[in-house]
Protein backbone atom coordinates (compact mmCIF):
# COMPACT_ATOMS: atom_id res chain seq x y z
CA MET A 1 26.82 15.45 25.66
CA LYS A 2 23.92 17.92 25.50
CA ASN A 3 24.36 18.30 21.63
CA ILE A 4 24.26 14.54 21.10
CA LYS A 5 20.92 14.34 23.11
CA ILE A 6 19.62 17.15 20.97
CA LEU A 7 20.80 15.48 17.66
CA ALA A 8 19.46 12.11 18.98
CA ASN A 9 15.88 13.89 19.65
CA ILE A 10 15.96 15.49 16.19
CA GLY A 11 16.80 11.96 14.64
CA LEU A 12 13.91 10.46 16.45
CA VAL A 13 11.51 13.05 15.09
CA LEU A 14 12.78 12.99 11.46
CA PHE A 15 13.30 9.22 11.14
CA PRO A 16 9.68 8.22 11.19
CA MET A 17 9.06 11.18 8.76
CA TYR A 18 11.79 9.50 6.42
CA LEU A 19 10.04 6.24 6.62
CA MET A 20 6.75 7.74 5.81
CA ALA A 21 7.91 9.61 2.66
CA GLN A 22 6.59 8.10 -0.51
CA THR A 23 7.95 7.92 -3.93
CA PRO A 24 5.77 9.29 -6.72
CA THR A 25 5.07 5.70 -7.78
CA GLU A 26 4.08 4.61 -4.22
CA THR A 27 1.68 7.63 -4.02
CA ILE A 28 -0.11 6.58 -7.15
CA ASN A 29 -0.08 3.05 -6.06
CA GLN A 30 -1.91 4.08 -2.76
CA PHE A 31 -4.23 6.41 -4.73
CA MET A 32 -5.32 3.76 -6.97
CA ASP A 33 -5.71 1.03 -4.29
CA ASN A 34 -7.82 3.69 -2.35
CA TRP A 35 -9.96 4.33 -5.38
CA HIS A 36 -10.58 0.71 -5.88
CA LYS A 37 -11.28 0.35 -2.05
CA ALA A 38 -13.85 3.27 -2.26
CA ALA A 39 -15.87 1.00 -4.80
CA ALA A 40 -15.53 -2.04 -2.58
CA ASN A 41 -16.80 0.09 0.35
CA ALA A 42 -19.51 1.89 -1.58
CA ASN A 43 -17.62 5.29 -0.94
CA GLU A 44 -19.22 7.15 -3.76
CA GLU A 45 -17.75 10.54 -2.51
CA LEU A 46 -14.22 9.17 -2.64
CA PHE A 47 -14.62 7.14 -5.70
CA PHE A 48 -16.06 9.94 -7.95
CA GLY A 49 -13.99 12.52 -6.12
CA SER A 50 -10.93 10.87 -7.27
CA MET A 51 -11.82 11.58 -10.90
CA THR A 52 -11.49 14.98 -12.71
CA GLU A 53 -14.72 16.93 -13.64
CA LYS A 54 -14.39 15.67 -17.10
CA GLY A 55 -13.02 12.27 -16.45
CA ILE A 56 -14.01 9.42 -18.74
CA TYR A 57 -14.56 5.85 -17.56
CA LEU A 58 -14.53 3.18 -20.38
CA GLY A 59 -16.27 0.00 -19.15
CA THR A 60 -16.21 -3.53 -20.38
CA ASP A 61 -19.39 -3.17 -22.54
CA LYS A 62 -18.81 -1.75 -25.97
CA THR A 63 -21.46 0.80 -25.12
CA GLU A 64 -19.72 1.96 -21.90
CA LYS A 65 -18.14 5.36 -22.17
CA TRP A 66 -19.15 7.68 -19.44
CA THR A 67 -18.23 11.04 -18.10
CA ARG A 68 -17.60 10.93 -14.34
CA ASP A 69 -20.94 12.44 -13.75
CA GLU A 70 -22.79 10.06 -16.09
CA MET A 71 -21.16 7.10 -14.30
CA ALA A 72 -22.11 8.32 -10.90
CA GLU A 73 -25.68 8.48 -12.05
CA TRP A 74 -25.52 4.95 -13.61
CA ALA A 75 -23.72 3.62 -10.61
CA LYS A 76 -26.01 5.33 -7.93
CA GLU A 77 -27.90 1.88 -7.08
CA TYR A 78 -24.59 -0.03 -6.76
CA PHE A 79 -23.18 2.68 -4.37
CA GLU A 80 -26.30 2.33 -2.10
CA GLU A 81 -25.20 -1.22 -1.32
CA GLU A 82 -22.54 -2.25 1.06
CA SER A 83 -20.15 -2.73 -1.81
CA ALA A 84 -20.48 -1.35 -5.38
CA TRP A 85 -17.96 -3.90 -6.92
CA ALA A 86 -14.63 -5.04 -5.65
CA PHE A 87 -11.55 -5.03 -7.86
CA THR A 88 -8.00 -5.59 -6.50
CA ALA A 89 -4.84 -4.85 -8.43
CA THR A 90 -2.49 -7.68 -8.60
CA GLU A 91 0.12 -5.97 -10.83
CA ARG A 92 0.59 -2.35 -11.63
CA ASP A 93 3.19 -0.41 -13.78
CA VAL A 94 3.13 3.39 -13.30
CA TYR A 95 4.82 5.91 -15.62
CA PHE A 96 5.31 9.65 -15.52
CA SER A 97 5.63 12.66 -17.89
CA GLU A 98 8.92 14.59 -17.65
CA ASP A 99 7.42 17.33 -15.71
CA GLY A 100 5.87 14.85 -13.17
CA LYS A 101 2.29 16.27 -13.63
CA THR A 102 0.81 13.47 -15.70
CA ALA A 103 0.86 9.67 -14.90
CA TRP A 104 -0.23 6.77 -16.75
CA LEU A 105 -0.80 3.14 -15.56
CA TYR A 106 -1.46 -0.36 -16.40
CA GLU A 107 -2.82 -2.64 -13.85
CA LYS A 108 -3.97 -6.29 -13.73
CA LEU A 109 -7.09 -6.71 -11.66
CA ASP A 110 -8.68 -9.59 -9.73
CA THR A 111 -12.63 -9.08 -10.33
CA TRP A 112 -15.82 -10.85 -10.10
CA MET A 113 -15.36 -11.21 -14.02
CA GLY A 114 -12.01 -12.92 -13.57
CA VAL A 115 -8.79 -11.12 -14.47
CA CYS A 116 -9.33 -7.83 -15.94
CA LYS A 117 -6.88 -5.06 -17.08
CA GLY A 118 -7.15 -1.43 -16.35
CA THR A 119 -5.28 1.61 -17.87
CA ALA A 120 -5.41 5.03 -16.57
CA VAL A 121 -4.31 8.63 -17.12
CA LEU A 122 -3.89 10.71 -14.05
CA VAL A 123 -3.24 14.53 -13.74
CA MET A 124 -1.75 16.44 -10.71
CA ARG A 125 -4.30 19.07 -9.58
CA PRO A 126 -3.80 21.49 -6.64
CA ASP A 127 -5.74 18.99 -4.49
CA GLY A 128 -3.67 16.07 -5.58
CA TRP A 129 -3.95 13.26 -8.28
CA LYS A 130 -7.03 12.94 -10.32
CA ILE A 131 -8.19 10.22 -12.61
CA ALA A 132 -8.84 11.73 -16.10
CA LEU A 133 -9.25 8.43 -17.96
CA TYR A 134 -9.78 4.87 -16.76
CA ASP A 135 -10.34 2.00 -19.28
CA LEU A 136 -11.55 -1.30 -17.94
CA SER A 137 -11.14 -4.38 -20.19
CA VAL A 138 -12.03 -8.10 -19.72
CA THR A 139 -9.39 -10.38 -20.82
CA VAL A 140 -9.62 -13.30 -23.07
CA ASP A 141 -6.88 -16.09 -23.36
CA ASN A 142 -5.49 -16.44 -26.85
CA ASN A 143 -6.44 -20.27 -26.83
CA LYS A 144 -10.06 -19.31 -26.18
CA ILE A 145 -10.49 -16.45 -28.67
CA ASP A 146 -12.22 -18.50 -31.27
CA LYS A 147 -14.92 -19.52 -28.74
CA PHE A 148 -15.20 -15.85 -27.72
CA LEU A 149 -15.69 -14.70 -31.32
CA GLU A 150 -18.36 -17.22 -31.80
CA LEU A 151 -20.08 -16.04 -28.61
CA ILE A 152 -20.16 -12.42 -29.72
CA LYS A 153 -21.64 -13.15 -33.14
CA GLU A 154 -24.95 -13.93 -31.37
């Protein structure tokens, strides 16, 4: 009877730990959701701290290719507000290298610009996952591409 109680107590301790365990995909999903929330909450330290030192951010404008530090300088005024910007992933597909130290993803985002797409490359560092490359793009429906092409000719 004593052994059963001991096993039951061990089970009570280990079962919650089992429920808290995340798959690698769940870990990346949470990491990316937290990164987007950091911008929404103007948490500059978490947002830029989630990128590698040489991380690259490609924005929606054809001129926007920033290193992490260049983007931090550009975005400083936005992060002084309550919210820098708010992007919420509505879909995400995550893939991993064979050694599990590199991940890449595609995500569809709900943004102030409408539906956008994001693609990212993440690398595992001693302190966890970091974004090495993020590419944000605005979407244009195929049936509206002619109007879009006319617009950008201006």
